[in-house]
């Protein structure tokens, strides 16, 4: 499946609550894995390399990813944070659709 901003938003909107937590958790984990090791440790985006979370989302994104690793799911408030829309109407997690598409494509090639 090719990931686009719209397909990611639709996938989340049409999923049940448990599946939404899985989709967002896996997305945050994929972005977290693109952070540098030092960024992962301090929960911040220090290097402007267009990989992983932006500076504004790095702390919450890292904490969300670590929570997903530990609990295998997300709390309802975490899902709500990442599905909240910005002034343009885009879900917070959907702004990372290009990186998520790249991760998905690299996994498809590896399989």
Protein backbone atom coordinates (compact mmCIF):
# COMPACT_ATOMS: atom_id res chain seq x y z
CA UNK A 1 0.00 0.00 0.00
CA UNK A 2 1.28 3.42 -0.94
CA UNK A 3 0.96 5.88 1.93
CA UNK A 4 -0.29 9.38 1.26
CA UNK A 5 -1.50 12.02 3.67
CA UNK A 6 -5.11 11.27 2.77
CA UNK A 7 -4.72 7.49 2.94
CA UNK A 8 -3.08 7.75 6.36
CA UNK A 9 -5.85 9.98 7.69
CA UNK A 10 -8.52 7.71 6.20
CA UNK A 11 -6.88 4.62 7.67
CA UNK A 12 -6.98 6.22 11.11
CA UNK A 13 -10.51 7.62 10.78
CA UNK A 14 -12.03 4.32 9.65
CA UNK A 15 -10.28 2.20 12.27
CA UNK A 16 -11.69 1.26 15.65
CA UNK A 17 -10.10 2.74 18.78
CA UNK A 18 -7.70 -0.16 19.34
CA UNK A 19 -6.55 -0.16 15.71
CA UNK A 20 -6.07 3.63 15.78
CA UNK A 21 -3.71 3.19 18.74
CA UNK A 22 -1.76 0.56 16.80
CA UNK A 23 -1.48 2.67 13.64
CA UNK A 24 -0.34 5.78 15.50
CA UNK A 25 1.95 3.82 17.81
CA UNK A 26 3.68 2.09 14.90
CA UNK A 27 3.97 5.40 13.04
CA UNK A 28 5.54 7.13 16.05
CA UNK A 29 7.89 4.19 16.52
CA UNK A 30 8.97 4.36 12.87
CA UNK A 31 9.66 8.09 13.22
CA UNK A 32 11.44 7.55 16.54
CA UNK A 33 13.72 4.99 14.87
CA UNK A 34 14.72 7.65 12.34
CA UNK A 35 15.92 9.96 15.12
CA UNK A 36 19.63 9.85 15.96
CA UNK A 37 20.62 7.85 19.05
CA UNK A 38 21.35 11.00 21.02
CA UNK A 39 17.98 12.49 20.04
CA UNK A 40 16.26 9.29 21.16
CA UNK A 41 17.95 9.47 24.54
CA UNK A 42 17.09 13.10 25.25
CA UNK A 43 13.63 13.11 23.59
CA UNK A 44 14.51 16.10 21.42
CA UNK A 45 15.25 16.85 17.78
CA UNK A 46 18.63 18.53 17.71
CA UNK A 47 19.79 17.90 14.16
CA UNK A 48 17.78 19.38 11.29
CA UNK A 49 18.11 16.33 9.02
CA UNK A 50 14.42 15.96 8.05
CA UNK A 51 14.43 12.50 9.63
CA UNK A 52 12.17 11.63 12.52
CA UNK A 53 10.17 14.17 14.48
CA UNK A 54 10.37 17.92 14.06
CA UNK A 55 11.52 19.95 17.06
CA UNK A 56 7.96 20.74 18.15
CA UNK A 57 6.91 17.08 18.20
CA UNK A 58 10.14 15.39 19.28
CA UNK A 59 9.43 15.22 23.01
CA UNK A 60 5.87 13.95 22.75
CA UNK A 61 6.72 11.73 19.78
CA UNK A 62 9.61 10.09 21.59
CA UNK A 63 7.55 9.55 24.73
CA UNK A 64 4.68 8.14 22.66
CA UNK A 65 7.03 5.74 20.86
CA UNK A 66 8.62 4.59 24.12
CA UNK A 67 5.16 4.11 25.64
CA UNK A 68 4.15 2.02 22.61
CA UNK A 69 7.27 -0.13 22.95
CA UNK A 70 6.52 -0.74 26.63
CA UNK A 71 2.73 -1.19 26.50
CA UNK A 72 2.14 -2.38 22.91
CA UNK A 73 -0.68 0.18 22.71
CA UNK A 74 -1.38 3.85 23.40
CA UNK A 75 -3.66 5.60 25.85
CA UNK A 76 -6.71 7.38 24.45
CA UNK A 77 -5.22 10.81 25.19
CA UNK A 78 -2.12 9.92 23.16
CA UNK A 79 -4.24 8.96 20.16
CA UNK A 80 -6.20 12.19 20.51
CA UNK A 81 -2.98 14.24 20.57
CA UNK A 82 -1.76 12.73 17.30
CA UNK A 83 -5.13 12.92 15.53
CA UNK A 84 -5.70 16.56 16.47
CA UNK A 85 -5.81 18.74 13.38
CA UNK A 86 -3.69 21.81 12.74
CA UNK A 87 -4.89 25.11 11.26
CA UNK A 88 -4.74 23.60 7.76
CA UNK A 89 -6.88 20.65 8.84
CA UNK A 90 -4.08 18.06 8.77
CA UNK A 91 -3.77 15.48 11.52
CA UNK A 92 -0.60 15.91 13.55
CA UNK A 93 0.67 12.42 12.63
CA UNK A 94 -0.24 12.88 8.95
CA UNK A 95 2.33 15.63 8.43
CA UNK A 96 4.91 12.83 8.53
CA UNK A 97 3.31 10.88 5.71
CA UNK A 98 6.34 11.20 3.40
CA UNK A 99 8.69 9.69 5.97
CA UNK A 100 6.17 6.95 6.77
CA UNK A 101 5.80 6.19 3.07
CA UNK A 102 9.60 5.91 2.78
CA UNK A 103 9.75 3.54 5.76
CA UNK A 104 6.93 1.45 4.27
CA UNK A 105 8.64 1.30 0.88
CA UNK A 106 11.97 0.27 2.39
CA UNK A 107 10.25 -2.52 4.34
CA UNK A 108 8.49 -3.71 1.18
CA UNK A 109 11.83 -3.92 -0.65
CA UNK A 110 13.42 -5.78 2.26
CA UNK A 111 10.61 -8.36 2.36
